[in-house]
């Protein structure tokens, strides 16, 4: 990370409870991702955020409009 680049913020929403698959019901990170977050660089953090979004969509927590991009 460059000296001017700010760290990617944690997706934690203070609803900290792991489901049966060890995924947080609040932020959708795995227990391992939560544990490693402080040691990740920004590229790793962005990759985890993408996985969190995919998990949320798969669980019906985020709705996607057909034909629309999330970006």
PDB file of N, CA and C in Angstrom:
ATOM      1  N   UNK A   1       0.857  -1.178   0.000  1.00  0.00           N
ATOM      2  CA  UNK A   1       0.000   0.000   0.000  1.00  0.00           C
ATOM      3  C   UNK A   1       0.898   1.234   0.000  1.00  0.00           C
ATOM      4  N   UNK A   2       0.573   2.173  -0.849  1.00  0.00           N
ATOM      5  CA  UNK A   2       1.375   3.394  -0.909  1.00  0.00           C
ATOM      6  C   UNK A   2       1.070   4.276   0.300  1.00  0.00           C
ATOM      7  N   UNK A   3       1.992   5.178   0.641  1.00  0.00           N
ATOM      8  CA  UNK A   3       1.787   6.031   1.823  1.00  0.00           C
ATOM      9  C   UNK A   3       0.524   6.894   1.722  1.00  0.00           C
ATOM     10  N   UNK A   4       0.056   7.201   0.494  1.00  0.00           N
ATOM     11  CA  UNK A   4      -1.114   8.052   0.335  1.00  0.00           C
ATOM     12  C   UNK A   4      -2.412   7.253   0.226  1.00  0.00           C
ATOM     13  N   UNK A   5      -2.307   5.951   0.043  1.00  0.00           N
ATOM     14  CA  UNK A   5      -3.505   5.124  -0.083  1.00  0.00           C
ATOM     15  C   UNK A   5      -4.070   4.792   1.300  1.00  0.00           C
ATOM     16  N   UNK A   6      -5.356   5.046   1.468  1.00  0.00           N
ATOM     17  CA  UNK A   6      -6.007   4.737   2.738  1.00  0.00           C
ATOM     18  C   UNK A   6      -6.403   3.270   2.768  1.00  0.00           C
ATOM     19  N   UNK A   7      -6.388   2.645   3.936  1.00  0.00           N
ATOM     20  CA  UNK A   7      -6.801   1.249   4.036  1.00  0.00           C
ATOM     21  C   UNK A   7      -8.284   1.088   3.680  1.00  0.00           C
ATOM     22  N   UNK A   8      -8.598   0.007   3.000  1.00  0.00           N
ATOM     23  CA  UNK A   8      -9.993  -0.312   2.706  1.00  0.00           C
ATOM     24  C   UNK A   8     -10.685  -0.597   4.037  1.00  0.00           C
ATOM     25  N   UNK A   9     -11.807   0.038   4.258  1.00  0.00           N
ATOM     26  CA  UNK A   9     -12.524  -0.076   5.528  1.00  0.00           C
ATOM     27  C   UNK A   9     -13.152  -1.458   5.692  1.00  0.00           C
ATOM     28  N   UNK A  10     -13.234  -1.880   6.921  1.00  0.00           N
ATOM     29  CA  UNK A  10     -13.875  -3.146   7.256  1.00  0.00           C
ATOM     30  C   UNK A  10     -15.369  -3.062   6.960  1.00  0.00           C
ATOM     31  N   UNK A  11     -15.954  -4.164   6.472  1.00  0.00           N
ATOM     32  CA  UNK A  11     -17.396  -4.175   6.227  1.00  0.00           C
ATOM     33  C   UNK A  11     -18.214  -4.482   7.483  1.00  0.00           C
ATOM     34  N   UNK A  12     -17.573  -4.560   8.631  1.00  0.00           N
ATOM     35  CA  UNK A  12     -18.259  -4.898   9.877  1.00  0.00           C
ATOM     36  C   UNK A  12     -19.408  -3.927  10.144  1.00  0.00           C
ATOM     37  N   UNK A  13     -20.565  -4.495  10.478  1.00  0.00           N
ATOM     38  CA  UNK A  13     -21.741  -3.687  10.806  1.00  0.00           C
ATOM     39  C   UNK A  13     -22.191  -3.940  12.249  1.00  0.00           C
ATOM     40  N   UNK A  14     -21.301  -4.511  13.042  1.00  0.00           N
ATOM     41  CA  UNK A  14     -21.536  -4.786  14.470  1.00  0.00           C
ATOM     42  C   UNK A  14     -22.711  -5.728  14.719  1.00  0.00           C
ATOM     43  N   UNK A  15     -22.937  -6.627  13.772  1.00  0.00           N
ATOM     44  CA  UNK A  15     -23.882  -7.731  13.951  1.00  0.00           C
ATOM     45  C   UNK A  15     -23.028  -8.986  13.812  1.00  0.00           C
ATOM     46  N   UNK A  16     -22.326  -9.320  14.876  1.00  0.00           N
ATOM     47  CA  UNK A  16     -21.292 -10.353  14.828  1.00  0.00           C
ATOM     48  C   UNK A  16     -21.827 -11.694  15.313  1.00  0.00           C
ATOM     49  N   UNK A  17     -22.233 -12.517  14.361  1.00  0.00           N
ATOM     50  CA  UNK A  17     -22.713 -13.859  14.675  1.00  0.00           C
ATOM     51  C   UNK A  17     -22.396 -14.751  13.490  1.00  0.00           C
ATOM     52  N   UNK A  18     -21.730 -15.865  13.757  1.00  0.00           N
ATOM     53  CA  UNK A  18     -21.385 -16.794  12.683  1.00  0.00           C
ATOM     54  C   UNK A  18     -22.510 -17.802  12.483  1.00  0.00           C
ATOM     55  N   UNK A  19     -22.803 -18.095  11.212  1.00  0.00           N
ATOM     56  CA  UNK A  19     -23.810 -19.101  10.918  1.00  0.00           C
ATOM     57  C   UNK A  19     -23.175 -20.487  10.918  1.00  0.00           C
ATOM     58  N   UNK A  20     -23.903 -21.492  10.495  1.00  0.00           N
ATOM     59  CA  UNK A  20     -23.392 -22.869  10.500  1.00  0.00           C
ATOM     60  C   UNK A  20     -22.205 -23.075   9.564  1.00  0.00           C
ATOM     61  N   UNK A  21     -22.032 -22.179   8.591  1.00  0.00           N
ATOM     62  CA  UNK A  21     -20.906 -22.258   7.656  1.00  0.00           C
ATOM     63  C   UNK A  21     -19.746 -21.355   8.068  1.00  0.00           C
ATOM     64  N   UNK A  22     -19.781 -20.835   9.300  1.00  0.00           N
ATOM     65  CA  UNK A  22     -18.767 -19.906   9.821  1.00  0.00           C
ATOM     66  C   UNK A  22     -18.667 -18.624   9.002  1.00  0.00           C
ATOM     67  N   UNK A  23     -19.822 -18.134   8.554  1.00  0.00           N
ATOM     68  CA  UNK A  23     -19.897 -16.857   7.851  1.00  0.00           C
ATOM     69  C   UNK A  23     -20.688 -15.893   8.717  1.00  0.00           C
ATOM     70  N   UNK A  24     -20.151 -14.704   8.898  1.00  0.00           N
ATOM     71  CA  UNK A  24     -20.799 -13.704   9.729  1.00  0.00           C
ATOM     72  C   UNK A  24     -22.114 -13.260   9.083  1.00  0.00           C
ATOM     73  N   UNK A  25     -23.184 -13.270   9.863  1.00  0.00           N
ATOM     74  CA  UNK A  25     -24.486 -12.874   9.337  1.00  0.00           C
ATOM     75  C   UNK A  25     -24.580 -11.364   9.109  1.00  0.00           C
ATOM     76  N   UNK A  26     -23.662 -10.610   9.685  1.00  0.00           N
ATOM     77  CA  UNK A  26     -23.661  -9.160   9.499  1.00  0.00           C
ATOM     78  C   UNK A  26     -22.896  -8.708   8.275  1.00  0.00           C
ATOM     79  N   UNK A  27     -21.630  -9.127   8.168  1.00  0.00           N
ATOM     80  CA  UNK A  27     -20.772  -8.621   7.087  1.00  0.00           C
ATOM     81  C   UNK A  27     -20.510  -9.633   5.971  1.00  0.00           C
ATOM     82  N   UNK A  28     -20.903 -10.890   6.176  1.00  0.00           N
ATOM     83  CA  UNK A  28     -20.741 -11.952   5.181  1.00  0.00           C
ATOM     84  C   UNK A  28     -19.291 -12.407   4.984  1.00  0.00           C
ATOM     85  N   UNK A  29     -18.406 -12.062   5.941  1.00  0.00           N
ATOM     86  CA  UNK A  29     -17.039 -12.582   5.873  1.00  0.00           C
ATOM     87  C   UNK A  29     -16.969 -13.912   6.606  1.00  0.00           C
ATOM     88  N   UNK A  30     -16.023 -14.752   6.186  1.00  0.00           N
ATOM     89  CA  UNK A  30     -15.780 -15.987   6.914  1.00  0.00           C
ATOM     90  C   UNK A  30     -15.009 -15.660   8.186  1.00  0.00           C
ATOM     91  N   UNK A  31     -14.991 -16.602   9.112  1.00  0.00           N
ATOM     92  CA  UNK A  31     -14.228 -16.406  10.343  1.00  0.00           C
ATOM     93  C   UNK A  31     -12.759 -16.146  10.017  1.00  0.00           C
ATOM     94  N   UNK A  32     -12.213 -16.868   9.045  1.00  0.00           N
ATOM     95  CA  UNK A  32     -10.815 -16.681   8.648  1.00  0.00           C
ATOM     96  C   UNK A  32     -10.588 -15.281   8.073  1.00  0.00           C
ATOM     97  N   UNK A  33     -11.508 -14.806   7.231  1.00  0.00           N
ATOM     98  CA  UNK A  33     -11.362 -13.467   6.642  1.00  0.00           C
ATOM     99  C   UNK A  33     -11.416 -12.389   7.716  1.00  0.00           C
ATOM    100  N   UNK A  34     -12.280 -12.572   8.708  1.00  0.00           N
ATOM    101  CA  UNK A  34     -12.367 -11.608   9.810  1.00  0.00           C
ATOM    102  C   UNK A  34     -11.049 -11.580  10.578  1.00  0.00           C
ATOM    103  N   UNK A  35     -10.521 -12.761  10.863  1.00  0.00           N
ATOM    104  CA  UNK A  35      -9.277 -12.874  11.633  1.00  0.00           C
ATOM    105  C   UNK A  35      -8.095 -12.256  10.890  1.00  0.00           C
ATOM    106  N   UNK A  36      -8.035 -12.463   9.590  1.00  0.00           N
ATOM    107  CA  UNK A  36      -6.899 -11.988   8.792  1.00  0.00           C
ATOM    108  C   UNK A  36      -7.035 -10.547   8.306  1.00  0.00           C
ATOM    109  N   UNK A  37      -8.206  -9.925   8.445  1.00  0.00           N
ATOM    110  CA  UNK A  37      -8.469  -8.609   7.857  1.00  0.00           C
ATOM    111  C   UNK A  37      -7.368  -7.591   8.176  1.00  0.00           C
ATOM    112  N   UNK A  38      -6.935  -7.505   9.394  1.00  0.00           N
ATOM    113  CA  UNK A  38      -5.932  -6.519   9.793  1.00  0.00           C
ATOM    114  C   UNK A  38      -4.574  -6.716   9.139  1.00  0.00           C
ATOM    115  N   UNK A  39      -4.311  -7.911   8.637  1.00  0.00           N
ATOM    116  CA  UNK A  39      -3.030  -8.204   7.991  1.00  0.00           C
ATOM    117  C   UNK A  39      -3.124  -8.206   6.465  1.00  0.00           C
ATOM    118  N   UNK A  40      -4.321  -7.991   5.928  1.00  0.00           N
ATOM    119  CA  UNK A  40      -4.509  -7.988   4.472  1.00  0.00           C
ATOM    120  C   UNK A  40      -4.099  -6.650   3.874  1.00  0.00           C
ATOM    121  N   UNK A  41      -3.614  -6.708   2.628  1.00  0.00           N
ATOM    122  CA  UNK A  41      -3.389  -5.453   1.915  1.00  0.00           C
ATOM    123  C   UNK A  41      -4.711  -5.067   1.237  1.00  0.00           C
ATOM    124  N   UNK A  42      -4.740  -3.898   0.641  1.00  0.00           N
ATOM    125  CA  UNK A  42      -5.985  -3.406   0.055  1.00  0.00           C
ATOM    126  C   UNK A  42      -6.515  -4.300  -1.058  1.00  0.00           C
ATOM    127  N   UNK A  43      -5.640  -4.884  -1.853  1.00  0.00           N
ATOM    128  CA  UNK A  43      -6.095  -5.772  -2.936  1.00  0.00           C
ATOM    129  C   UNK A  43      -6.817  -6.985  -2.354  1.00  0.00           C
ATOM    130  N   UNK A  44      -6.264  -7.566  -1.301  1.00  0.00           N
ATOM    131  CA  UNK A  44      -6.909  -8.706  -0.651  1.00  0.00           C
ATOM    132  C   UNK A  44      -8.247  -8.288  -0.041  1.00  0.00           C
ATOM    133  N   UNK A  45      -8.276  -7.120   0.568  1.00  0.00           N
ATOM    134  CA  UNK A  45      -9.513  -6.637   1.181  1.00  0.00           C
ATOM    135  C   UNK A  45     -10.605  -6.432   0.130  1.00  0.00           C
ATOM    136  N   UNK A  46     -10.222  -5.867  -1.017  1.00  0.00           N
ATOM    137  CA  UNK A  46     -11.207  -5.676  -2.084  1.00  0.00           C
ATOM    138  C   UNK A  46     -11.725  -7.016  -2.600  1.00  0.00           C
ATOM    139  N   UNK A  47     -10.856  -7.999  -2.702  1.00  0.00           N
ATOM    140  CA  UNK A  47     -11.275  -9.333  -3.138  1.00  0.00           C
ATOM    141  C   UNK A  47     -12.267  -9.930  -2.139  1.00  0.00           C
ATOM    142  N   UNK A  48     -12.001  -9.768  -0.851  1.00  0.00           N
ATOM    143  CA  UNK A  48     -12.905 -10.274   0.185  1.00  0.00           C
ATOM    144  C   UNK A  48     -14.244  -9.544   0.105  1.00  0.00           C
ATOM    145  N   UNK A  49     -14.225  -8.234  -0.117  1.00  0.00           N
ATOM    146  CA  UNK A  49     -15.481  -7.492  -0.237  1.00  0.00           C
ATOM    147  C   UNK A  49     -16.311  -8.011  -1.407  1.00  0.00           C
ATOM    148  N   UNK A  50     -15.645  -8.372  -2.491  1.00  0.00           N
ATOM    149  CA  UNK A  50     -16.354  -8.962  -3.632  1.00  0.00           C
ATOM    150  C   UNK A  50     -16.999 -10.285  -3.261  1.00  0.00           C
ATOM    151  N   UNK A  51     -16.277 -11.113  -2.498  1.00  0.00           N
ATOM    152  CA  UNK A  51     -16.826 -12.389  -2.043  1.00  0.00           C
ATOM    153  C   UNK A  51     -18.005 -12.161  -1.101  1.00  0.00           C
ATOM    154  N   UNK A  52     -17.894 -11.166  -0.238  1.00  0.00           N
ATOM    155  CA  UNK A  52     -18.992 -10.833   0.686  1.00  0.00           C
ATOM    156  C   UNK A  52     -20.244 -10.463  -0.106  1.00  0.00           C
ATOM    157  N   UNK A  53     -20.062  -9.672  -1.139  1.00  0.00           N
ATOM    158  CA  UNK A  53     -21.197  -9.265  -1.966  1.00  0.00           C
ATOM    159  C   UNK A  53     -21.819 -10.484  -2.643  1.00  0.00           C
ATOM    160  N   UNK A  54     -20.980 -11.367  -3.191  1.00  0.00           N
ATOM    161  CA  UNK A  54     -21.487 -12.582  -3.840  1.00  0.00           C
ATOM    162  C   UNK A  54     -22.275 -13.435  -2.851  1.00  0.00           C
ATOM    163  N   UNK A  55     -21.770 -13.569  -1.638  1.00  0.00           N
ATOM    164  CA  UNK A  55     -22.467 -14.351  -0.611  1.00  0.00           C
ATOM    165  C   UNK A  55     -23.811 -13.712  -0.271  1.00  0.00           C
ATOM    166  N   UNK A  56     -23.828 -12.386  -0.149  1.00  0.00           N
ATOM    167  CA  UNK A  56     -25.062 -11.687   0.187  1.00  0.00           C
ATOM    168  C   UNK A  56     -26.105 -11.860  -0.924  1.00  0.00           C
ATOM    169  N   UNK A  57     -25.672 -11.771  -2.174  1.00  0.00           N
ATOM    170  CA  UNK A  57     -26.589 -11.973  -3.300  1.00  0.00           C
ATOM    171  C   UNK A  57     -27.110 -13.406  -3.284  1.00  0.00           C
ATOM    172  N   UNK A  58     -26.220 -14.371  -3.098  1.00  0.00           N
ATOM    173  CA  UNK A  58     -26.610 -15.786  -3.088  1.00  0.00           C
ATOM    174  C   UNK A  58     -27.601 -16.101  -1.972  1.00  0.00           C
ATOM    175  N   UNK A  59     -27.478 -15.399  -0.856  1.00  0.00           N
ATOM    176  CA  UNK A  59     -28.376 -15.624   0.283  1.00  0.00           C
ATOM    177  C   UNK A  59     -29.640 -14.770   0.211  1.00  0.00           C
ATOM    178  N   UNK A  60     -29.791 -13.990  -0.861  1.00  0.00           N
ATOM    179  CA  UNK A  60     -30.980 -13.165  -1.010  1.00  0.00           C
ATOM    180  C   UNK A  60     -30.976 -11.925  -0.145  1.00  0.00           C
ATOM    181  N   UNK A  61     -29.807 -11.532   0.339  1.00  0.00           N
ATOM    182  CA  UNK A  61     -29.703 -10.339   1.171  1.00  0.00           C
ATOM    183  C   UNK A  61     -29.554  -9.071   0.345  1.00  0.00           C
ATOM    184  N   UNK A  62     -29.164  -9.243  -0.933  1.00  0.00           N
ATOM    185  CA  UNK A  62     -29.012  -8.126  -1.863  1.00  0.00           C
ATOM    186  C   UNK A  62     -29.733  -8.535  -3.138  1.00  0.00           C
ATOM    187  N   UNK A  63     -30.566  -7.664  -3.646  1.00  0.00           N
ATOM    188  CA  UNK A  63     -31.279  -7.971  -4.880  1.00  0.00           C
ATOM    189  C   UNK A  63     -30.619  -7.244  -6.029  1.00  0.00           C
ATOM    190  N   UNK A  64     -30.457  -7.970  -7.123  1.00  0.00           N
ATOM    191  CA  UNK A  64     -29.875  -7.395  -8.324  1.00  0.00           C
ATOM    192  C   UNK A  64     -30.978  -7.236  -9.360  1.00  0.00           C
ATOM    193  N   UNK A  65     -31.037  -6.064 -10.011  1.00  0.00           N
ATOM    194  CA  UNK A  65     -31.995  -5.842 -11.070  1.00  0.00           C
ATOM    195  C   UNK A  65     -31.414  -6.400 -12.360  1.00  0.00           C
ATOM    196  N   UNK A  66     -32.137  -7.285 -13.046  1.00  0.00           N
ATOM    197  CA  UNK A  66     -31.614  -7.861 -14.311  1.00  0.00           C
ATOM    198  C   UNK A  66     -31.219  -6.760 -15.285  1.00  0.00           C
ATOM    199  N   UNK A  67     -30.046  -6.934 -15.888  1.00  0.00           N
ATOM    200  CA  UNK A  67     -29.568  -5.990 -16.882  1.00  0.00           C
ATOM    201  C   UNK A  67     -28.858  -4.786 -16.304  1.00  0.00           C
ATOM    202  N   UNK A  68     -28.812  -4.676 -14.992  1.00  0.00           N
ATOM    203  CA  UNK A  68     -28.133  -3.547 -14.355  1.00  0.00           C
ATOM    204  C   UNK A  68     -26.829  -4.043 -13.723  1.00  0.00           C
ATOM    205  N   UNK A  69     -25.821  -3.223 -13.814  1.00  0.00           N
ATOM    206  CA  UNK A  69     -24.535  -3.543 -13.203  1.00  0.00           C
ATOM    207  C   UNK A  69     -24.499  -2.992 -11.790  1.00  0.00           C
ATOM    208  N   UNK A  70     -23.791  -3.713 -10.892  1.00  0.00           N
ATOM    209  CA  UNK A  70     -23.659  -3.216  -9.524  1.00  0.00           C
ATOM    210  C   UNK A  70     -22.545  -2.201  -9.397  1.00  0.00           C
ATOM    211  N   UNK A  71     -21.803  -1.999 -10.480  1.00  0.00           N
ATOM    212  CA  UNK A  71     -20.659  -1.065 -10.417  1.00  0.00           C
ATOM    213  C   UNK A  71     -21.063   0.336 -10.777  1.00  0.00           C
TER     214      UNK A  71
END
